[in-house]
C-alpha atoms as a PDB file:
ATOM      1  CA  MET A   1       8.357  -5.207  19.447  1.00  0.00           C
ATOM      2  CA  ILE A   2       8.993  -4.228  23.122  1.00  0.00           C
ATOM      3  CA  VAL A   3      11.776  -6.339  23.715  1.00  0.00           C
ATOM      4  CA  GLY A   4      12.735  -5.287  19.851  1.00  0.00           C
ATOM      5  CA  LEU A   5      13.184  -1.930  21.056  1.00  0.00           C
ATOM      6  CA  LEU A   6      15.000  -2.510  24.076  1.00  0.00           C
ATOM      7  CA  LEU A   7      17.631  -4.420  22.174  1.00  0.00           C
ATOM      8  CA  MET A   8      18.696  -1.356  20.319  1.00  0.00           C
ATOM      9  CA  ARG A   9      21.623   0.434  20.971  1.00  0.00           C
ATOM     10  CA  LEU A  10      22.158   3.755  19.145  1.00  0.00           C
ATOM     11  CA  PRO A  11      24.158   6.709  19.713  1.00  0.00           C
ATOM     12  CA  GLU A  12      22.456   9.485  21.791  1.00  0.00           C
ATOM     13  CA  GLU A  13      22.306  12.500  19.783  1.00  0.00           C
ATOM     14  CA  LYS A  14      21.090  15.960  20.954  1.00  0.00           C
ATOM     15  CA  PRO A  15      18.709  17.313  18.763  1.00  0.00           C
ATOM     16  CA  ALA A  16      19.895  20.874  17.871  1.00  0.00           C
ATOM     17  CA  LEU A  17      17.952  23.879  18.942  1.00  0.00           C
ATOM     18  CA  ARG A  18      15.167  25.186  16.108  1.00  0.00           C
ATOM     19  CA  ARG A  19      13.157  27.942  16.323  1.00  0.00           C
ATOM     20  CA  ARG A  20       9.150  26.773  17.201  1.00  0.00           C
ATOM     21  CA  GLU A  21       7.189  27.968  14.049  1.00  0.00           C
ATOM     22  CA  PRO A  22       3.510  27.632  14.022  1.00  0.00           C
ATOM     23  CA  ILE A  23       2.055  24.368  13.542  1.00  0.00           C
ATOM     24  CA  TRP A  24       0.358  24.936  10.287  1.00  0.00           C
ATOM     25  CA  ALA A  25       4.267  25.579   9.188  1.00  0.00           C
ATOM     26  CA  ASN A  26       5.676  22.896  10.101  1.00  0.00           C
ATOM     27  CA  ILE A  27       2.993  21.289   8.225  1.00  0.00           C
ATOM     28  CA  ALA A  28       3.348  23.225   5.238  1.00  0.00           C
ATOM     29  CA  ALA A  29       7.186  22.507   5.131  1.00  0.00           C
ATOM     30  CA  GLY A  30       6.390  18.923   5.534  1.00  0.00           C
ATOM     31  CA  ILE A  31       4.068  19.155   2.119  1.00  0.00           C
ATOM     32  CA  ASP A  32       6.555  20.782   0.500  1.00  0.00           C
ATOM     33  CA  TYR A  33       8.656  18.600   0.575  1.00  0.00           C
ATOM     34  CA  VAL A  34       7.078  15.492  -0.331  1.00  0.00           C
ATOM     35  CA  ARG A  35       5.565  17.747  -3.569  1.00  0.00           C
ATOM     36  CA  ARG A  36       9.393  18.345  -4.470  1.00  0.00           C
ATOM     37  CA  THR A  37      10.833  14.318  -3.705  1.00  0.00           C
ATOM     38  CA  PRO A  38       9.805  12.056  -6.060  1.00  0.00           C
ATOM     39  CA  ALA A  39      11.214   9.065  -3.855  1.00  0.00           C
ATOM     40  CA  ILE A  40       8.339  10.004  -1.493  1.00  0.00           C
ATOM     41  CA  LEU A  41       5.841  11.616  -3.781  1.00  0.00           C
ATOM     42  CA  GLU A  42       5.326   8.605  -5.751  1.00  0.00           C
ATOM     43  CA  PRO A  43       4.979   5.889  -3.251  1.00  0.00           C
ATOM     44  CA  LEU A  44       2.582   7.987  -1.357  1.00  0.00           C
ATOM     45  CA  LEU A  45      -0.147   8.822  -4.018  1.00  0.00           C
ATOM     46  CA  LEU A  46       0.360   5.121  -5.193  1.00  0.00           C
ATOM     47  CA  MET A  47      -0.478   4.272  -1.399  1.00  0.00           C
ATOM     48  CA  ALA A  48      -3.329   6.141  -1.650  1.00  0.00           C
ATOM     49  CA  VAL A  49      -4.612   4.733  -4.963  1.00  0.00           C
ATOM     50  CA  LEU A  50      -4.515   1.493  -4.029  1.00  0.00           C
ATOM     51  CA  SER A  51      -6.201   2.107  -0.199  1.00  0.00           C
ATOM     52  CA  MET A  52      -8.779   3.436  -1.957  1.00  0.00           C
ATOM     53  CA  PHE A  53      -9.646   1.210  -4.874  1.00  0.00           C
ATOM     54  CA  ALA A  54      -7.448  -2.612  -4.973  1.00  0.00           C
ATOM     55  CA  MET A  55      -7.347  -3.282  -0.994  1.00  0.00           C
ATOM     56  CA  ASN A  56     -11.176  -3.290  -0.072  1.00  0.00           C
ATOM     57  CA  PHE A  57     -10.999  -7.103   0.798  1.00  0.00           C
ATOM     58  CA  ASN A  58     -12.727  -6.637   4.173  1.00  0.00           C
ATOM     59  CA  VAL A  59     -15.572  -5.278   2.567  1.00  0.00           C
ATOM     60  CA  LEU A  60     -15.475  -7.901  -0.527  1.00  0.00           C
ATOM     61  CA  VAL A  61     -14.520 -11.027   0.474  1.00  0.00           C
ATOM     62  CA  PRO A  62     -17.459 -11.620   2.601  1.00  0.00           C
ATOM     63  CA  ALA A  63     -19.686 -11.194  -0.618  1.00  0.00           C
ATOM     64  CA  TYR A  64     -17.450 -13.257  -2.636  1.00  0.00           C
ATOM     65  CA  ALA A  65     -17.415 -16.337  -0.635  1.00  0.00           C
ATOM     66  CA  LYS A  66     -21.187 -16.453  -0.064  1.00  0.00           C
ATOM     67  CA  HIS A  67     -23.096 -15.245  -3.220  1.00  0.00           C
ATOM     68  CA  THR A  68     -19.759 -16.264  -5.619  1.00  0.00           C
ATOM     69  CA  LEU A  69     -18.659 -19.103  -4.319  1.00  0.00           C
ATOM     70  CA  ARG A  70     -21.305 -20.414  -2.090  1.00  0.00           C
ATOM     71  CA  LEU A  71     -19.053 -21.080   1.108  1.00  0.00           C
ATOM     72  CA  THR A  72     -19.892 -21.367   4.454  1.00  0.00           C
ATOM     73  CA  GLU A  73     -18.629 -19.768   7.443  1.00  0.00           C
ATOM     74  CA  THR A  74     -15.616 -21.664   6.975  1.00  0.00           C
ATOM     75  CA  GLY A  75     -15.160 -21.432   4.171  1.00  0.00           C
ATOM     76  CA  TYR A  76     -14.855 -17.786   4.168  1.00  0.00           C
ATOM     77  CA  GLY A  77     -12.380 -18.314   7.038  1.00  0.00           C
ATOM     78  CA  PHE A  78     -10.072 -20.251   4.744  1.00  0.00           C
ATOM     79  CA  LEU A  79     -10.232 -17.321   2.484  1.00  0.00           C
ATOM     80  CA  MET A  80      -9.307 -14.637   4.485  1.00  0.00           C
ATOM     81  CA  ALA A  81      -6.569 -16.837   5.883  1.00  0.00           C
ATOM     82  CA  ALA A  82      -4.878 -17.306   2.559  1.00  0.00           C
ATOM     83  CA  LEU A  83      -4.463 -13.447   2.411  1.00  0.00           C
ATOM     84  CA  GLY A  84      -2.829 -14.021   6.160  1.00  0.00           C
ATOM     85  CA  ILE A  85      -0.674 -16.700   4.379  1.00  0.00           C
ATOM     86  CA  GLY A  86       0.633 -14.914   1.194  1.00  0.00           C
ATOM     87  CA  ALA A  87       1.773 -11.915   3.370  1.00  0.00           C
ATOM     88  CA  PHE A  88       3.571 -14.259   5.587  1.00  0.00           C
ATOM     89  CA  ALA A  89       5.524 -15.931   3.020  1.00  0.00           C
ATOM     90  CA  GLY A  90       5.938 -11.990   1.414  1.00  0.00           C
ATOM     91  CA  ALA A  91       7.133 -10.447   4.973  1.00  0.00           C
ATOM     92  CA  ILE A  92       9.650 -13.477   5.061  1.00  0.00           C
ATOM     93  CA  MET A  93      11.016 -13.015   1.909  1.00  0.00           C
ATOM     94  CA  LEU A  94      11.224  -9.452   2.518  1.00  0.00           C
ATOM     95  CA  ALA A  95      13.413  -9.855   5.504  1.00  0.00           C
ATOM     96  CA  PHE A  96      15.856 -12.574   3.769  1.00  0.00           C
ATOM     97  CA  ILE A  97      16.551  -9.408   0.915  1.00  0.00           C
ATOM     98  CA  SER A  98      16.148  -6.663   3.561  1.00  0.00           C
ATOM     99  CA  HIS A  99      20.085  -6.189   3.352  1.00  0.00           C
ATOM    100  CA  ARG A 100      19.470  -4.777  -0.417  1.00  0.00           C
ATOM    101  CA  GLY A 101      17.548  -1.292   0.853  1.00  0.00           C
ATOM    102  CA  PRO A 102      14.177  -0.414  -1.205  1.00  0.00           C
ATOM    103  CA  GLN A 103      13.896  -1.538  -4.414  1.00  0.00           C
ATOM    104  CA  ARG A 104      11.252   0.323  -6.752  1.00  0.00           C
ATOM    105  CA  PHE A 105      11.418  -2.877  -8.612  1.00  0.00           C
ATOM    106  CA  LEU A 106       9.360  -4.602  -5.290  1.00  0.00           C
ATOM    107  CA  LEU A 107       7.127  -1.359  -4.966  1.00  0.00           C
ATOM    108  CA  VAL A 108       6.172  -1.759  -8.697  1.00  0.00           C
ATOM    109  CA  ALA A 109       5.930  -5.234  -8.812  1.00  0.00           C
ATOM    110  CA  GLY A 110       3.856  -5.192  -5.502  1.00  0.00           C
ATOM    111  CA  ALA A 111       1.337  -2.523  -6.618  1.00  0.00           C
ATOM    112  CA  THR A 112       0.970  -4.482  -9.779  1.00  0.00           C
ATOM    113  CA  GLY A 113       0.442  -8.003  -8.279  1.00  0.00           C
ATOM    114  CA  VAL A 114      -1.835  -6.748  -6.065  1.00  0.00           C
ATOM    115  CA  THR A 115      -4.235  -5.597  -8.521  1.00  0.00           C
ATOM    116  CA  LEU A 116      -4.000  -8.214 -11.209  1.00  0.00           C
ATOM    117  CA  PHE A 117      -4.220 -10.899  -8.751  1.00  0.00           C
ATOM    118  CA  GLN A 118      -7.338  -9.401  -7.326  1.00  0.00           C
ATOM    119  CA  VAL A 119      -8.605  -9.421 -10.948  1.00  0.00           C
ATOM    120  CA  ALA A 120      -7.957 -13.044 -10.848  1.00  0.00           C
ATOM    121  CA  VAL A 121     -10.315 -13.477  -7.882  1.00  0.00           C
ATOM    122  CA  ALA A 122     -13.117 -11.956  -9.599  1.00  0.00           C
ATOM    123  CA  LEU A 123     -12.885 -14.024 -12.500  1.00  0.00           C
ATOM    124  CA  VAL A 124     -12.543 -17.541 -11.460  1.00  0.00           C
ATOM    125  CA  ARG A 125     -15.440 -19.832  -9.642  1.00  0.00           C
ATOM    126  CA  SER A 126     -13.197 -22.326  -7.963  1.00  0.00           C
ATOM    127  CA  PHE A 127     -12.440 -22.196  -4.537  1.00  0.00           C
ATOM    128  CA  PRO A 128      -8.729 -23.559  -4.902  1.00  0.00           C
ATOM    129  CA  LEU A 129      -7.826 -20.811  -7.704  1.00  0.00           C
ATOM    130  CA  ALA A 130      -9.744 -18.101  -5.021  1.00  0.00           C
ATOM    131  CA  PHE A 131      -7.235 -19.247  -2.472  1.00  0.00           C
ATOM    132  CA  LEU A 132      -4.293 -19.154  -4.694  1.00  0.00           C
ATOM    133  CA  PHE A 133      -4.913 -16.073  -5.865  1.00  0.00           C
ATOM    134  CA  LEU A 134      -5.932 -14.279  -2.548  1.00  0.00           C
ATOM    135  CA  ALA A 135      -2.568 -15.757  -0.985  1.00  0.00           C
ATOM    136  CA  LEU A 136      -0.735 -14.405  -4.436  1.00  0.00           C
ATOM    137  CA  THR A 137      -2.766 -11.016  -3.613  1.00  0.00           C
ATOM    138  CA  GLY A 138      -1.495 -11.104   0.194  1.00  0.00           C
ATOM    139  CA  TRP A 139       2.326 -11.410  -1.160  1.00  0.00           C
ATOM    140  CA  SER A 140       1.625  -8.272  -3.108  1.00  0.00           C
ATOM    141  CA  MET A 141      -0.084  -6.164  -0.786  1.00  0.00           C
ATOM    142  CA  ILE A 142       2.846  -7.072   1.997  1.00  0.00           C
ATOM    143  CA  THR A 143       5.797  -6.313  -0.358  1.00  0.00           C
ATOM    144  CA  PHE A 144       3.916  -3.733  -1.470  1.00  0.00           C
ATOM    145  CA  THR A 145       3.090  -1.753   2.044  1.00  0.00           C
ATOM    146  CA  ALA A 146       6.286  -2.705   3.291  1.00  0.00           C
ATOM    147  CA  SER A 147       8.343  -0.875   0.357  1.00  0.00           C
ATOM    148  CA  VAL A 148       6.333   2.314   0.485  1.00  0.00           C
ATOM    149  CA  ASN A 149       6.778   2.030   4.391  1.00  0.00           C
ATOM    150  CA  THR A 150      10.773   1.678   3.999  1.00  0.00           C
ATOM    151  CA  THR A 151      11.043   3.629   0.898  1.00  0.00           C
ATOM    152  CA  ILE A 152       9.658   6.676   2.434  1.00  0.00           C
ATOM    153  CA  GLN A 153      11.254   6.832   5.740  1.00  0.00           C
ATOM    154  CA  LEU A 154      14.531   5.958   4.663  1.00  0.00           C
ATOM    155  CA  ALA A 155      14.075   8.994   1.682  1.00  0.00           C
ATOM    156  CA  SER A 156      12.579  11.289   4.612  1.00  0.00           C
ATOM    157  CA  PRO A 157      14.995  13.521   6.483  1.00  0.00           C
ATOM    158  CA  ASP A 158      15.174  12.853  10.406  1.00  0.00           C
ATOM    159  CA  GLU A 159      13.497  16.968  10.931  1.00  0.00           C
ATOM    160  CA  LEU A 160      10.714  15.970   8.422  1.00  0.00           C
ATOM    161  CA  ARG A 161      10.419  12.318   9.261  1.00  0.00           C
ATOM    162  CA  GLY A 162       7.158  12.261  11.753  1.00  0.00           C
ATOM    163  CA  ARG A 163       5.245  14.905   9.103  1.00  0.00           C
ATOM    164  CA  ILE A 164       5.817  12.928   6.157  1.00  0.00           C
ATOM    165  CA  MET A 165       4.767   9.203   8.192  1.00  0.00           C
ATOM    166  CA  SER A 166       1.685  11.038   9.259  1.00  0.00           C
ATOM    167  CA  LEU A 167       0.507  11.810   5.390  1.00  0.00           C
ATOM    168  CA  TYR A 168       1.691   8.082   5.119  1.00  0.00           C
ATOM    169  CA  SER A 169      -0.834   7.269   8.069  1.00  0.00           C
ATOM    170  CA  LEU A 170      -3.413   9.427   6.019  1.00  0.00           C
ATOM    171  CA  VAL A 171      -3.116   8.047   2.752  1.00  0.00           C
ATOM    172  CA  PHE A 172      -3.130   3.967   4.320  1.00  0.00           C
ATOM    173  CA  GLY A 173      -5.432   4.381   6.850  1.00  0.00           C
ATOM    174  CA  GLY A 174      -7.570   7.985   6.130  1.00  0.00           C
ATOM    175  CA  VAL A 175      -9.036   6.592   2.460  1.00  0.00           C
ATOM    176  CA  ILE A 176     -10.208   3.734   4.012  1.00  0.00           C
ATOM    177  CA  PRO A 177     -13.444   4.362   4.420  1.00  0.00           C
ATOM    178  CA  PHE A 178     -13.800   6.114   1.327  1.00  0.00           C
ATOM    179  CA  GLY A 179     -12.842   2.881  -0.329  1.00  0.00           C
ATOM    180  CA  SER A 180     -15.165   1.089   1.362  1.00  0.00           C
ATOM    181  CA  LEU A 181     -18.029   3.139   0.310  1.00  0.00           C
ATOM    182  CA  PHE A 182     -16.666   2.905  -3.648  1.00  0.00           C
ATOM    183  CA  ALA A 183     -16.667  -1.126  -3.388  1.00  0.00           C
ATOM    184  CA  GLY A 184     -19.506  -1.424  -1.283  1.00  0.00           C
ATOM    185  CA  THR A 185     -21.338   1.176  -4.142  1.00  0.00           C
ATOM    186  CA  VAL A 186     -20.098  -1.687  -7.106  1.00  0.00           C
ATOM    187  CA  ALA A 187     -21.142  -4.528  -5.233  1.00  0.00           C
ATOM    188  CA  GLY A 188     -24.022  -3.487  -4.672  1.00  0.00           C
ATOM    189  CA  TRP A 189     -24.803  -2.785  -8.092  1.00  0.00           C
ATOM    190  CA  GLY A 190     -22.780  -5.940  -9.805  1.00  0.00           C
ATOM    191  CA  GLY A 191     -21.719  -8.237  -7.235  1.00  0.00           C
ATOM    192  CA  ALA A 192     -18.809  -8.683  -5.572  1.00  0.00           C
ATOM    193  CA  PRO A 193     -16.505 -10.439  -8.316  1.00  0.00           C
ATOM    194  CA  VAL A 194     -17.476  -6.616 -10.530  1.00  0.00           C
ATOM    195  CA  ALA A 195     -16.262  -4.686  -7.462  1.00  0.00           C
ATOM    196  CA  LEU A 196     -12.843  -6.723  -7.263  1.00  0.00           C
ATOM    197  CA  ALA A 197     -12.207  -6.765 -10.782  1.00  0.00           C
ATOM    198  CA  ALA A 198     -13.598  -2.694 -11.062  1.00  0.00           C
ATOM    199  CA  GLY A 199     -11.070  -2.151  -7.984  1.00  0.00           C
ATOM    200  CA  GLY A 200      -7.989  -3.840  -9.790  1.00  0.00           C
ATOM    201  CA  VAL A 201      -8.727  -2.435 -13.159  1.00  0.00           C
ATOM    202  CA  ILE A 202      -8.941   1.318 -11.916  1.00  0.00           C
ATOM    203  CA  GLY A 203      -5.660   0.841  -8.960  1.00  0.00           C
ATOM    204  CA  LEU A 204      -3.832  -0.569 -11.924  1.00  0.00           C
ATOM    205  CA  GLY A 205      -4.790   2.254 -14.249  1.00  0.00           C
ATOM    206  CA  LEU A 206      -4.513   5.336 -12.041  1.00  0.00           C
ATOM    207  CA  ALA A 207      -1.058   4.087 -10.691  1.00  0.00           C
ATOM    208  CA  LEU A 208       0.268   3.615 -14.269  1.00  0.00           C
ATOM    209  CA  VAL A 209      -0.565   7.430 -14.711  1.00  0.00           C
ATOM    210  CA  VAL A 210       0.852   8.554 -11.119  1.00  0.00           C
ATOM    211  CA  SER A 211       4.319   6.682 -11.881  1.00  0.00           C
ATOM    212  CA  TYR A 212       4.340   7.901 -15.841  1.00  0.00           C
ATOM    213  CA  SER A 213       3.000  11.443 -14.702  1.00  0.00           C
ATOM    214  CA  ILE A 214       5.516  11.443 -11.760  1.00  0.00           C
ATOM    215  CA  ARG A 215       8.496  10.684 -13.669  1.00  0.00           C
ATOM    216  CA  GLN A 216       7.642  12.677 -16.769  1.00  0.00           C
ATOM    217  CA  ARG A 217       7.312  15.940 -14.124  1.00  0.00           C
ATOM    218  CA  PHE A 218      10.643  15.021 -12.344  1.00  0.00           C
ATOM    219  CA  ARG A 219      12.336  14.247 -15.820  1.00  0.00           C
ATOM    220  CA  GLN A 220      12.580  17.612 -16.619  1.00  0.00           C
ATOM    221  CA  LYS A 221      13.822  19.271 -13.334  1.00  0.00           C
ATOM    222  CA  PRO A 222      17.072  17.586 -12.822  1.00  0.00           C
ATOM    223  CA  GLY A 223      17.607  19.427  -9.320  1.00  0.00           C
ATOM    224  CA  THR A 224      15.242  17.357  -7.677  1.00  0.00           C
ATOM    225  CA  ASP A 225      15.849  14.194  -5.370  1.00  0.00           C
ATOM    226  CA  SER A 226      15.384  10.840  -7.712  1.00  0.00           C
ATOM    227  CA  VAL A 227      13.218   8.123  -7.318  1.00  0.00           C
END
């Protein structure tokens, strides 16, 4: 990361002087811009939904490995490695097509893949199939999260990017404790497969509602930025 930053050569630009405003006014300006811009609002809400319900693997995979597949620590390690292998493959794919810029198709496909492959993991009782579906989940997850990140950054104006990315960090990491509470509660009641399936189904359903609602809302407001 440090080497990459040192290799960057950017034109020096002096930022325009701006009138100092109260911090709450700056925060409100960032939130208002997100609220009016579907290209940012949709990925942010999708990230919040999936972080809450569909990406709780650190909580559920250990229980799934031990109580559902009856695996030892080695088997659990391989299942977690499957997520990493899939994520690495997805990152390589994104690197090859990065010249095309952010694509809404990848955003939607990644969100759909995370939820559906998570449900598939919940339904299987075979280690090879669980490994395969977790690898595909990792592929979908990196495709989704990277698409959200790049879409938001490129759609944000320079003067608001810091505030908007702070909202991204909030929905990406800030809701994880609540998602873990949800996953752990459901798993304690019905087991890890039930929690995986519930998270996938709820995540997919809410993602569809978010995308449909936003597109319907801004279809009636032609003056807004398009997705």
